[in-house]
Amino acid sequence: MSKPMQIMLLVLSGLLTACGGSSYTSEADNNQVVTLGDSIFDLSDELQGNLESYAGQTFRKYTLSGAQLSNSGIGVTPVVEQYAQAKSDNADIRTIVMNGGGNDILIPVVAQFDPYRCKTRWYQFGQLSSKCQNFIDDLYVEGVDILNDMDNDGVENIIYLGYYYTKNALLSLKSLKQAVDYGNDTLARACQNSTADCTFVDPRSSIVNSDIILDGIHPASSGSRKLADLVWPHLEPLL
């Protein structure tokens, strides 16, 4: 890896993991509910905090900023290993609230200068490159595998939170709109086509630029509240 790329990777790692959330919570009021995922949950912890406030009880937490679905390339425990740790701590898991897949797309865009061409340039007239589509299609396979494993382990319900549009701010990320669309559609299909009882929650129409902090990626307090409000109607009947 070249030195400029190493520097970019360090910057991105800091952006995705610094000031982020807290360590795992392996004991909670309700140990049968587990959260897995990335910094949309973990950076501020407000999304999970809102859900716990609505529920009047705490849940086990394994989310980590910078996490990818199954790739630990930047040294962060991926979602598949978060789940393995949750099972190791207590295998009696009834409901999982999760996300995953966003960093798999974002990290190469920022740290490796978009090798899969997931940014849509003006001359592409809104058409996502086939290279990016093929890359995201691989995430479909990973997603189905993870969800099927959860189902086989006896997890009864999975609520899978999708991704909203990033914005231009500290990083120039507005051009990922088509990748976000394709990624969400792909994750929703993984949720639907897995053997698990999986509900996909799509936040694209709810989160606006003012709900995102200055890095262009992570939710502000208003964004975390909106995300919790989207998840809660699906979670509440399961408690």
Protein backbone atom coordinates (compact mmCIF):
# COMPACT_ATOMS: atom_id res chain seq x y z
CA MET A 1 0.00 0.00 0.00
CA SER A 2 1.42 3.41 -0.96
CA LYS A 3 2.15 6.05 1.68
CA PRO A 4 -0.63 8.43 0.53
CA MET A 5 -3.11 5.58 0.72
CA GLN A 6 -1.90 4.67 4.21
CA ILE A 7 -2.41 8.26 5.32
CA MET A 8 -5.90 8.33 3.86
CA LEU A 9 -6.73 5.06 5.59
CA LEU A 10 -5.53 6.43 8.92
CA VAL A 11 -7.62 9.57 8.46
CA LEU A 12 -10.69 7.52 7.60
CA SER A 13 -10.13 5.14 10.49
CA GLY A 14 -9.96 8.09 12.84
CA LEU A 15 -13.11 9.58 11.36
CA LEU A 16 -15.05 6.34 11.68
CA THR A 17 -13.79 5.25 15.08
CA ALA A 18 -12.67 8.26 17.10
CA CYS A 19 -15.00 9.48 19.81
CA GLY A 20 -17.15 6.55 18.91
CA GLY A 21 -19.65 5.10 21.25
CA SER A 22 -18.61 2.68 23.94
CA SER A 23 -17.45 -0.89 24.38
CA TYR A 24 -19.71 -3.91 24.20
CA THR A 25 -22.60 -4.18 26.64
CA SER A 26 -22.91 -7.88 27.40
CA GLU A 27 -25.37 -7.56 30.31
CA ALA A 28 -28.59 -5.57 30.01
CA ASP A 29 -32.15 -5.40 31.28
CA ASN A 30 -33.24 -7.43 28.27
CA ASN A 31 -30.45 -9.76 27.19
CA GLN A 32 -32.58 -11.28 24.42
CA VAL A 33 -32.38 -8.08 22.36
CA VAL A 34 -29.00 -7.39 20.73
CA THR A 35 -27.75 -4.55 18.53
CA LEU A 36 -25.07 -5.10 15.87
CA GLY A 37 -23.59 -2.75 13.33
CA ASP A 38 -21.50 0.33 12.70
CA SER A 39 -21.10 3.98 13.66
CA ILE A 40 -24.65 4.97 12.69
CA PHE A 41 -25.44 3.32 16.01
CA ASP A 42 -22.12 3.55 17.78
CA LEU A 43 -20.56 6.97 17.19
CA SER A 44 -22.90 8.82 19.55
CA ASP A 45 -24.89 5.89 21.01
CA GLU A 46 -27.98 8.10 20.67
CA LEU A 47 -29.89 5.75 18.35
CA GLN A 48 -29.70 2.89 20.83
CA GLY A 49 -30.26 5.29 23.72
CA ASN A 50 -33.49 6.51 22.14
CA LEU A 51 -34.74 2.95 21.60
CA GLU A 52 -33.93 2.02 25.19
CA SER A 53 -35.68 5.14 26.43
CA TYR A 54 -38.81 4.22 24.47
CA ALA A 55 -38.66 0.65 25.77
CA GLY A 56 -37.85 1.52 29.37
CA GLN A 57 -35.11 -1.13 29.34
CA THR A 58 -31.56 -1.59 28.08
CA PHE A 59 -30.39 -4.03 25.39
CA ARG A 60 -27.11 -5.78 24.73
CA LYS A 61 -24.87 -3.73 22.44
CA TYR A 62 -22.10 -4.92 20.11
CA THR A 63 -22.01 -2.11 17.54
CA LEU A 64 -18.62 -0.63 16.61
CA SER A 65 -17.68 2.42 14.58
CA GLY A 66 -15.95 1.44 11.35
CA ALA A 67 -17.43 -2.05 11.25
CA GLN A 68 -18.02 -3.76 7.90
CA LEU A 69 -20.22 -6.79 7.31
CA SER A 70 -17.52 -9.47 7.37
CA ASN A 71 -14.28 -7.66 6.48
CA SER A 72 -11.97 -6.56 9.31
CA GLY A 73 -9.65 -4.71 6.95
CA ILE A 74 -9.27 -1.56 9.08
CA GLY A 75 -8.91 -3.53 12.29
CA VAL A 76 -12.50 -3.16 13.48
CA THR A 77 -14.57 -6.20 14.46
CA PRO A 78 -17.08 -6.78 11.62
CA VAL A 79 -20.76 -7.47 12.12
CA VAL A 80 -20.39 -11.22 11.65
CA GLU A 81 -17.85 -11.34 14.50
CA GLN A 82 -19.94 -9.02 16.67
CA TYR A 83 -22.70 -11.58 16.36
CA ALA A 84 -20.32 -14.41 17.24
CA GLN A 85 -19.29 -12.52 20.39
CA ALA A 86 -22.91 -11.89 21.34
CA LYS A 87 -23.62 -15.63 21.02
CA SER A 88 -20.54 -16.47 23.06
CA ASP A 89 -21.67 -14.13 25.84
CA ASN A 90 -25.25 -15.42 25.84
CA ALA A 91 -26.74 -17.48 23.00
CA ASP A 92 -30.32 -16.78 24.09
CA ILE A 93 -30.98 -14.10 21.46
CA ARG A 94 -34.54 -13.47 20.37
CA THR A 95 -34.34 -10.15 18.50
CA ILE A 96 -31.51 -8.42 16.64
CA VAL A 97 -31.56 -4.76 15.62
CA MET A 98 -28.73 -4.15 13.18
CA ASN A 99 -27.23 -2.46 10.20
CA GLY A 100 -24.19 -3.25 8.08
CA GLY A 101 -22.75 -2.83 4.61
CA GLY A 102 -22.37 0.94 4.53
CA ASN A 103 -18.70 0.95 5.45
CA ASP A 104 -18.00 -1.79 2.92
CA ILE A 105 -18.85 0.79 0.25
CA LEU A 106 -17.64 3.94 2.01
CA ILE A 107 -14.16 2.85 3.09
CA PRO A 108 -12.89 2.00 -0.43
CA VAL A 109 -14.39 5.25 -1.75
CA VAL A 110 -12.51 7.42 0.73
CA ALA A 111 -9.40 5.41 1.62
CA GLN A 112 -8.68 3.75 -1.71
CA PHE A 113 -9.85 6.45 -4.14
CA ASP A 114 -13.02 4.67 -5.21
CA PRO A 115 -11.60 1.54 -6.88
CA TYR A 116 -15.10 0.15 -7.54
CA ARG A 117 -16.28 3.46 -9.06
CA CYS A 118 -19.20 3.83 -6.67
CA LYS A 119 -19.25 7.61 -6.99
CA THR A 120 -21.42 8.72 -9.90
CA ARG A 121 -19.68 11.36 -12.02
CA TRP A 122 -21.56 14.00 -13.98
CA TYR A 123 -20.82 12.28 -17.29
CA GLN A 124 -22.50 9.07 -16.13
CA PHE A 125 -25.91 10.80 -16.08
CA GLY A 126 -26.93 9.12 -12.83
CA GLN A 127 -25.95 5.61 -13.90
CA LEU A 128 -24.07 3.55 -11.32
CA SER A 129 -21.06 1.73 -12.76
CA SER A 130 -21.33 -2.00 -13.34
CA LYS A 131 -18.15 -2.44 -11.29
CA CYS A 132 -19.83 -0.91 -8.24
CA GLN A 133 -23.00 -2.92 -8.84
CA ASN A 134 -20.97 -6.15 -8.93
CA PHE A 135 -19.17 -5.17 -5.74
CA ILE A 136 -22.46 -4.47 -3.94
CA ASP A 137 -23.91 -7.72 -5.28
CA ASP A 138 -21.18 -9.51 -3.33
CA LEU A 139 -22.52 -7.83 -0.18
CA TYR A 140 -25.88 -9.42 -0.95
CA VAL A 141 -24.31 -12.86 -0.60
CA GLU A 142 -22.61 -11.87 2.66
CA GLY A 143 -25.85 -10.40 3.99
CA VAL A 144 -27.92 -13.49 3.19
CA ASP A 145 -25.30 -15.73 4.77
CA ILE A 146 -25.27 -13.73 8.01
CA LEU A 147 -29.06 -13.59 8.22
CA ASN A 148 -29.42 -17.30 7.48
CA ASP A 149 -26.91 -18.09 10.23
CA MET A 150 -28.95 -16.03 12.68
CA ASP A 151 -32.10 -17.87 11.67
CA ASN A 152 -30.40 -21.24 12.03
CA ASP A 153 -29.28 -20.23 15.52
CA GLY A 154 -32.87 -19.58 16.56
CA VAL A 155 -33.03 -15.78 16.35
CA GLU A 156 -36.73 -15.05 15.94
CA ASN A 157 -36.72 -11.49 14.60
CA ILE A 158 -34.24 -9.24 12.80
CA ILE A 159 -34.75 -5.54 12.18
CA TYR A 160 -32.26 -4.39 9.54
CA LEU A 161 -31.77 -0.62 9.31
CA GLY A 162 -30.72 0.62 5.89
CA TYR A 163 -28.73 3.74 5.00
CA TYR A 164 -29.66 7.31 4.21
CA TYR A 165 -27.97 9.58 1.66
CA THR A 166 -24.60 11.04 2.62
CA LYS A 167 -23.96 14.74 1.99
CA ASN A 168 -21.11 16.96 0.90
CA ALA A 169 -19.39 18.34 3.98
CA LEU A 170 -16.00 17.43 5.43
CA LEU A 171 -15.94 14.78 2.70
CA SER A 172 -17.47 15.05 -0.77
CA LEU A 173 -20.03 12.25 -0.63
CA LYS A 174 -23.19 13.49 -2.32
CA SER A 175 -22.18 11.60 -5.47
CA LEU A 176 -22.82 8.30 -3.64
CA LYS A 177 -26.60 8.68 -4.07
CA GLN A 178 -26.90 5.94 -6.70
CA ALA A 179 -24.67 3.63 -4.67
CA VAL A 180 -26.82 4.21 -1.59
CA ASP A 181 -29.93 3.42 -3.65
CA TYR A 182 -28.45 0.25 -5.09
CA GLY A 183 -27.02 -0.77 -1.72
CA ASN A 184 -30.32 -0.33 0.11
CA ASP A 185 -32.22 -2.24 -2.55
CA THR A 186 -29.64 -5.02 -2.32
CA LEU A 187 -29.76 -5.21 1.49
CA ALA A 188 -33.57 -5.21 1.38
CA ARG A 189 -33.47 -8.17 -1.02
CA ALA A 190 -31.05 -9.99 1.27
CA CYS A 191 -33.44 -9.42 4.14
CA GLN A 192 -36.42 -10.63 2.10
CA ASN A 193 -34.71 -13.63 0.49
CA SER A 194 -32.99 -14.98 3.60
CA THR A 195 -34.68 -17.65 5.69
CA ALA A 196 -34.85 -15.24 8.64
CA ASP A 197 -37.87 -13.24 9.80
CA CYS A 198 -36.22 -10.01 8.70
CA THR A 199 -37.74 -6.53 8.43
CA PHE A 200 -35.85 -3.92 6.40
CA VAL A 201 -36.22 -0.30 7.53
CA ASP A 202 -35.42 2.26 4.82
CA PRO A 203 -34.48 5.75 6.13
CA ARG A 204 -33.82 7.50 2.82
CA SER A 205 -37.00 9.56 2.74
CA SER A 206 -36.71 10.60 6.40
CA ILE A 207 -33.15 11.85 6.88
CA VAL A 208 -32.29 15.28 5.45
CA ASN A 209 -28.98 17.14 5.39
CA SER A 210 -29.65 18.91 8.69
CA ASP A 211 -29.94 15.48 10.36
CA ILE A 212 -26.30 14.68 9.45
CA ILE A 213 -23.22 16.06 11.20
CA LEU A 214 -20.34 17.89 9.51
CA ASP A 215 -18.55 14.75 8.34
CA GLY A 216 -21.43 14.16 5.90
CA ILE A 217 -21.98 10.62 7.20
CA HIS A 218 -23.15 10.28 10.79
CA PRO A 219 -26.49 11.24 12.28
CA ALA A 220 -26.92 14.34 14.40
CA SER A 221 -29.20 14.07 17.42
CA SER A 222 -32.19 14.79 15.19
CA GLY A 223 -31.10 12.05 12.80
CA SER A 224 -30.63 9.50 15.56
CA ARG A 225 -34.09 10.35 16.87
CA LYS A 226 -35.63 9.91 13.41
CA LEU A 227 -33.88 6.57 12.94
CA ALA A 228 -35.14 5.37 16.32
CA ASP A 229 -38.64 6.49 15.39
CA LEU A 230 -38.43 4.38 12.23
CA VAL A 231 -37.19 1.29 14.06
CA TRP A 232 -39.44 1.54 17.13
CA PRO A 233 -42.78 0.52 15.55
CA HIS A 234 -41.14 -2.74 14.45
CA LEU A 235 -39.31 -3.32 17.75
CA GLU A 236 -42.06 -2.44 20.22
CA PRO A 237 -44.34 -5.45 19.48
CA LEU A 238 -41.38 -7.81 19.96
CA LEU A 239 -40.58 -6.75 23.52
